[in-house]
């Protein structure tokens, strides 16, 4: 095609599709305020609850989902006790012994990290020890700044007044 050739004009292609958009409600509302047509494309709104009730059926479904992810995406088996530990972690995330968290990203992160430990050991199945190590390390990573500050107080590198008065200072919260 030369410089003096007419521009190519592709023929339109009919396309039938459904778009599912995930996002925080406030962000979606901001977009809708800025774009008048946005609401016409996304007419059905659904909410994902942060938890489900802890029933036998849900526990089984969670365990099966964990096993399928491990098998299909990581090419690893997941032991029953490993799946059980993940279900327990889902309960801890929900902060209620009668509920399970639907924070699948956090649950998947634990499974992904456990898979790394499994592969380092050159094993074909994720064990409860791998899951426990992943949970332990995630807790440590999320709390290590606090632990360092507490250690600095114990080592007297940071002094905290526990008596007297000082303007603009709050200790011991």
C-alpha atoms as a PDB file:
ATOM      1  CA  UNK A   1       0.000   0.000   0.000  1.00  0.00           C
ATOM      2  CA  UNK A   2       1.491   3.282  -1.081  1.00  0.00           C
ATOM      3  CA  UNK A   3       1.315   6.703   0.499  1.00  0.00           C
ATOM      4  CA  UNK A   4      -1.262   7.816  -2.073  1.00  0.00           C
ATOM      5  CA  UNK A   5      -3.551   4.801  -1.511  1.00  0.00           C
ATOM      6  CA  UNK A   6      -6.930   5.403   0.112  1.00  0.00           C
ATOM      7  CA  UNK A   7      -7.118   4.449   3.814  1.00  0.00           C
ATOM      8  CA  UNK A   8      -8.339   0.976   4.673  1.00  0.00           C
ATOM      9  CA  UNK A   9     -11.893   0.897   5.955  1.00  0.00           C
ATOM     10  CA  UNK A  10     -12.658  -2.420   7.646  1.00  0.00           C
ATOM     11  CA  UNK A  11     -16.237  -3.575   7.527  1.00  0.00           C
ATOM     12  CA  UNK A  12     -18.093  -3.457  10.829  1.00  0.00           C
ATOM     13  CA  UNK A  13     -18.489  -6.775  12.591  1.00  0.00           C
ATOM     14  CA  UNK A  14     -21.643  -7.485  14.524  1.00  0.00           C
ATOM     15  CA  UNK A  15     -20.804  -8.482  18.051  1.00  0.00           C
ATOM     16  CA  UNK A  16     -23.123  -9.705  20.765  1.00  0.00           C
ATOM     17  CA  UNK A  17     -21.564  -9.717  24.205  1.00  0.00           C
ATOM     18  CA  UNK A  18     -22.259  -9.273  27.859  1.00  0.00           C
ATOM     19  CA  UNK A  19     -19.964  -7.214  30.025  1.00  0.00           C
ATOM     20  CA  UNK A  20     -19.573  -7.904  33.713  1.00  0.00           C
ATOM     21  CA  UNK A  21     -17.858  -5.154  35.639  1.00  0.00           C
ATOM     22  CA  UNK A  22     -16.545  -5.724  39.150  1.00  0.00           C
ATOM     23  CA  UNK A  23     -15.670  -2.856  41.408  1.00  0.00           C
ATOM     24  CA  UNK A  24     -16.327  -0.936  44.557  1.00  0.00           C
ATOM     25  CA  UNK A  25     -19.724   0.729  44.651  1.00  0.00           C
ATOM     26  CA  UNK A  26     -18.318   4.229  45.210  1.00  0.00           C
ATOM     27  CA  UNK A  27     -15.993   3.913  42.195  1.00  0.00           C
ATOM     28  CA  UNK A  28     -18.819   2.741  39.956  1.00  0.00           C
ATOM     29  CA  UNK A  29     -20.948   5.674  41.129  1.00  0.00           C
ATOM     30  CA  UNK A  30     -18.114   8.111  40.324  1.00  0.00           C
ATOM     31  CA  UNK A  31     -17.877   6.726  36.800  1.00  0.00           C
ATOM     32  CA  UNK A  32     -21.669   6.952  36.402  1.00  0.00           C
ATOM     33  CA  UNK A  33     -21.565  10.621  37.446  1.00  0.00           C
ATOM     34  CA  UNK A  34     -18.899  11.420  34.842  1.00  0.00           C
ATOM     35  CA  UNK A  35     -20.340   9.329  31.993  1.00  0.00           C
ATOM     36  CA  UNK A  36     -24.026   9.716  31.192  1.00  0.00           C
ATOM     37  CA  UNK A  37     -24.127   6.532  29.092  1.00  0.00           C
ATOM     38  CA  UNK A  38     -22.503   4.324  31.711  1.00  0.00           C
ATOM     39  CA  UNK A  39     -25.797   3.491  33.430  1.00  0.00           C
ATOM     40  CA  UNK A  40     -27.341   2.341  30.170  1.00  0.00           C
ATOM     41  CA  UNK A  41     -24.664  -0.338  29.772  1.00  0.00           C
ATOM     42  CA  UNK A  42     -24.772  -1.642  33.330  1.00  0.00           C
ATOM     43  CA  UNK A  43     -28.399  -1.934  34.356  1.00  0.00           C
ATOM     44  CA  UNK A  44     -28.211  -4.841  36.798  1.00  0.00           C
ATOM     45  CA  UNK A  45     -26.328  -4.323  40.035  1.00  0.00           C
ATOM     46  CA  UNK A  46     -25.332  -7.229  42.239  1.00  0.00           C
ATOM     47  CA  UNK A  47     -23.581  -7.273  45.565  1.00  0.00           C
ATOM     48  CA  UNK A  48     -21.182  -9.899  46.866  1.00  0.00           C
ATOM     49  CA  UNK A  49     -21.588 -10.468  50.572  1.00  0.00           C
ATOM     50  CA  UNK A  50     -18.362 -10.510  52.576  1.00  0.00           C
ATOM     51  CA  UNK A  51     -19.267 -13.877  54.095  1.00  0.00           C
ATOM     52  CA  UNK A  52     -21.510 -16.924  53.835  1.00  0.00           C
ATOM     53  CA  UNK A  53     -22.981 -18.987  56.643  1.00  0.00           C
ATOM     54  CA  UNK A  54     -20.749 -21.857  57.697  1.00  0.00           C
ATOM     55  CA  UNK A  55     -22.819 -24.880  56.749  1.00  0.00           C
ATOM     56  CA  UNK A  56     -21.747 -28.382  55.817  1.00  0.00           C
ATOM     57  CA  UNK A  57     -22.623 -27.614  52.198  1.00  0.00           C
ATOM     58  CA  UNK A  58     -20.488 -24.431  52.162  1.00  0.00           C
ATOM     59  CA  UNK A  59     -17.541 -26.163  53.842  1.00  0.00           C
ATOM     60  CA  UNK A  60     -17.677 -28.925  51.212  1.00  0.00           C
ATOM     61  CA  UNK A  61     -17.999 -26.356  48.405  1.00  0.00           C
ATOM     62  CA  UNK A  62     -15.006 -24.371  49.694  1.00  0.00           C
ATOM     63  CA  UNK A  63     -12.892 -27.516  49.965  1.00  0.00           C
ATOM     64  CA  UNK A  64     -13.850 -28.540  46.429  1.00  0.00           C
ATOM     65  CA  UNK A  65     -13.048 -25.059  45.077  1.00  0.00           C
ATOM     66  CA  UNK A  66      -9.619 -25.136  46.770  1.00  0.00           C
ATOM     67  CA  UNK A  67      -8.913 -28.593  45.329  1.00  0.00           C
ATOM     68  CA  UNK A  68      -9.972 -27.553  41.817  1.00  0.00           C
ATOM     69  CA  UNK A  69      -7.802 -24.423  41.864  1.00  0.00           C
ATOM     70  CA  UNK A  70      -4.807 -26.423  43.080  1.00  0.00           C
ATOM     71  CA  UNK A  71      -5.325 -29.146  40.499  1.00  0.00           C
ATOM     72  CA  UNK A  72      -6.259 -27.103  37.426  1.00  0.00           C
ATOM     73  CA  UNK A  73      -4.147 -24.002  37.892  1.00  0.00           C
ATOM     74  CA  UNK A  74      -1.199 -25.196  39.970  1.00  0.00           C
ATOM     75  CA  UNK A  75      -1.070 -28.801  38.797  1.00  0.00           C
ATOM     76  CA  UNK A  76      -0.900 -29.938  42.416  1.00  0.00           C
ATOM     77  CA  UNK A  77      -3.123 -32.032  44.650  1.00  0.00           C
ATOM     78  CA  UNK A  78      -4.426 -30.528  47.859  1.00  0.00           C
ATOM     79  CA  UNK A  79      -4.595 -32.778  50.894  1.00  0.00           C
ATOM     80  CA  UNK A  80      -7.856 -32.974  52.847  1.00  0.00           C
ATOM     81  CA  UNK A  81      -6.194 -31.531  55.939  1.00  0.00           C
ATOM     82  CA  UNK A  82      -4.782 -28.688  53.810  1.00  0.00           C
ATOM     83  CA  UNK A  83      -8.270 -27.915  52.479  1.00  0.00           C
ATOM     84  CA  UNK A  84      -9.625 -28.042  56.039  1.00  0.00           C
ATOM     85  CA  UNK A  85      -7.003 -25.549  57.192  1.00  0.00           C
ATOM     86  CA  UNK A  86      -7.965 -23.202  54.341  1.00  0.00           C
ATOM     87  CA  UNK A  87     -11.610 -23.450  55.405  1.00  0.00           C
ATOM     88  CA  UNK A  88     -10.552 -22.582  58.963  1.00  0.00           C
ATOM     89  CA  UNK A  89      -8.619 -19.586  57.603  1.00  0.00           C
ATOM     90  CA  UNK A  90     -11.777 -18.478  55.749  1.00  0.00           C
ATOM     91  CA  UNK A  91     -13.532 -18.591  59.119  1.00  0.00           C
ATOM     92  CA  UNK A  92     -10.825 -16.456  60.716  1.00  0.00           C
ATOM     93  CA  UNK A  93     -11.107 -13.918  57.909  1.00  0.00           C
ATOM     94  CA  UNK A  94     -14.864 -13.730  58.545  1.00  0.00           C
ATOM     95  CA  UNK A  95     -14.114 -13.189  62.263  1.00  0.00           C
ATOM     96  CA  UNK A  96     -17.081 -15.364  63.160  1.00  0.00           C
ATOM     97  CA  UNK A  97     -17.089 -19.097  63.864  1.00  0.00           C
ATOM     98  CA  UNK A  98     -20.451 -19.435  62.097  1.00  0.00           C
ATOM     99  CA  UNK A  99     -19.356 -17.764  58.855  1.00  0.00           C
ATOM    100  CA  UNK A 100     -16.806 -18.136  56.062  1.00  0.00           C
ATOM    101  CA  UNK A 101     -15.204 -15.192  54.284  1.00  0.00           C
ATOM    102  CA  UNK A 102     -15.847 -14.673  50.588  1.00  0.00           C
ATOM    103  CA  UNK A 103     -12.547 -12.826  50.226  1.00  0.00           C
ATOM    104  CA  UNK A 104     -11.407 -15.256  47.558  1.00  0.00           C
ATOM    105  CA  UNK A 105      -8.365 -13.126  46.717  1.00  0.00           C
ATOM    106  CA  UNK A 106      -6.923 -13.567  50.224  1.00  0.00           C
ATOM    107  CA  UNK A 107      -7.788 -17.261  50.272  1.00  0.00           C
ATOM    108  CA  UNK A 108      -6.224 -17.736  46.849  1.00  0.00           C
ATOM    109  CA  UNK A 109      -3.091 -15.859  47.966  1.00  0.00           C
ATOM    110  CA  UNK A 110      -2.602 -18.361  50.799  1.00  0.00           C
ATOM    111  CA  UNK A 111      -3.087 -21.270  48.396  1.00  0.00           C
ATOM    112  CA  UNK A 112      -0.634 -19.727  45.904  1.00  0.00           C
ATOM    113  CA  UNK A 113       2.005 -19.223  48.587  1.00  0.00           C
ATOM    114  CA  UNK A 114       1.529 -22.761  49.891  1.00  0.00           C
ATOM    115  CA  UNK A 115       1.987 -24.050  46.327  1.00  0.00           C
ATOM    116  CA  UNK A 116       5.351 -22.279  46.180  1.00  0.00           C
ATOM    117  CA  UNK A 117       6.484 -24.082  49.349  1.00  0.00           C
ATOM    118  CA  UNK A 118       5.237 -27.386  47.921  1.00  0.00           C
ATOM    119  CA  UNK A 119       7.120 -26.912  44.655  1.00  0.00           C
ATOM    120  CA  UNK A 120      10.302 -25.954  46.529  1.00  0.00           C
ATOM    121  CA  UNK A 121      10.077 -29.307  48.294  1.00  0.00           C
ATOM    122  CA  UNK A 122       9.442 -30.986  44.910  1.00  0.00           C
ATOM    123  CA  UNK A 123       6.233 -32.574  46.124  1.00  0.00           C
ATOM    124  CA  UNK A 124       3.062 -33.113  44.128  1.00  0.00           C
ATOM    125  CA  UNK A 125       0.575 -32.235  46.852  1.00  0.00           C
ATOM    126  CA  UNK A 126      -0.031 -29.265  49.123  1.00  0.00           C
ATOM    127  CA  UNK A 127      -0.172 -30.266  52.784  1.00  0.00           C
ATOM    128  CA  UNK A 128      -1.598 -28.600  55.854  1.00  0.00           C
ATOM    129  CA  UNK A 129       2.000 -27.736  56.842  1.00  0.00           C
ATOM    130  CA  UNK A 130       2.348 -25.730  53.605  1.00  0.00           C
ATOM    131  CA  UNK A 131      -0.943 -23.931  54.299  1.00  0.00           C
ATOM    132  CA  UNK A 132       0.060 -23.265  57.920  1.00  0.00           C
ATOM    133  CA  UNK A 133       3.404 -21.821  56.822  1.00  0.00           C
ATOM    134  CA  UNK A 134       1.688 -19.554  54.287  1.00  0.00           C
ATOM    135  CA  UNK A 135      -0.769 -18.285  56.923  1.00  0.00           C
ATOM    136  CA  UNK A 136       2.048 -17.774  59.461  1.00  0.00           C
ATOM    137  CA  UNK A 137       4.146 -15.830  56.965  1.00  0.00           C
ATOM    138  CA  UNK A 138       1.197 -13.688  55.861  1.00  0.00           C
ATOM    139  CA  UNK A 139       0.474 -12.793  59.498  1.00  0.00           C
ATOM    140  CA  UNK A 140       4.133 -11.982  60.086  1.00  0.00           C
ATOM    141  CA  UNK A 141       4.288  -9.760  56.987  1.00  0.00           C
ATOM    142  CA  UNK A 142       1.177  -7.855  58.042  1.00  0.00           C
ATOM    143  CA  UNK A 143       2.399  -7.386  61.653  1.00  0.00           C
ATOM    144  CA  UNK A 144       6.150  -7.053  61.343  1.00  0.00           C
ATOM    145  CA  UNK A 145       6.172  -3.226  61.669  1.00  0.00           C
ATOM    146  CA  UNK A 146       4.272  -3.490  64.948  1.00  0.00           C
ATOM    147  CA  UNK A 147       6.600  -6.263  66.134  1.00  0.00           C
ATOM    148  CA  UNK A 148       9.656  -4.136  65.335  1.00  0.00           C
ATOM    149  CA  UNK A 149       8.200  -1.188  67.263  1.00  0.00           C
ATOM    150  CA  UNK A 150       7.455  -3.420  70.251  1.00  0.00           C
ATOM    151  CA  UNK A 151      11.002  -4.787  70.105  1.00  0.00           C
ATOM    152  CA  UNK A 152      12.372  -1.217  70.002  1.00  0.00           C
ATOM    153  CA  UNK A 153      10.377  -0.420  73.152  1.00  0.00           C
ATOM    154  CA  UNK A 154      11.704  -3.562  74.889  1.00  0.00           C
ATOM    155  CA  UNK A 155      15.263  -2.697  73.783  1.00  0.00           C
ATOM    156  CA  UNK A 156      14.770   0.863  75.103  1.00  0.00           C
ATOM    157  CA  UNK A 157      15.449   2.317  71.644  1.00  0.00           C
ATOM    158  CA  UNK A 158      12.018   3.938  71.817  1.00  0.00           C
ATOM    159  CA  UNK A 159      10.862   5.346  75.118  1.00  0.00           C
ATOM    160  CA  UNK A 160       7.181   5.499  75.969  1.00  0.00           C
ATOM    161  CA  UNK A 161       6.034   7.605  78.888  1.00  0.00           C
ATOM    162  CA  UNK A 162       3.454   5.758  80.946  1.00  0.00           C
ATOM    163  CA  UNK A 163       2.878   8.500  83.515  1.00  0.00           C
ATOM    164  CA  UNK A 164       2.672  12.280  83.528  1.00  0.00           C
ATOM    165  CA  UNK A 165       1.145  14.637  80.973  1.00  0.00           C
ATOM    166  CA  UNK A 166       2.294  15.922  77.608  1.00  0.00           C
ATOM    167  CA  UNK A 167       0.412  18.126  75.140  1.00  0.00           C
ATOM    168  CA  UNK A 168      -0.272  16.449  71.783  1.00  0.00           C
ATOM    169  CA  UNK A 169       1.055  13.024  72.816  1.00  0.00           C
ATOM    170  CA  UNK A 170      -0.919   9.821  73.217  1.00  0.00           C
ATOM    171  CA  UNK A 171       0.701   6.667  74.567  1.00  0.00           C
ATOM    172  CA  UNK A 172      -0.619   3.230  75.319  1.00  0.00           C
ATOM    173  CA  UNK A 173      -3.527   3.055  72.865  1.00  0.00           C
END
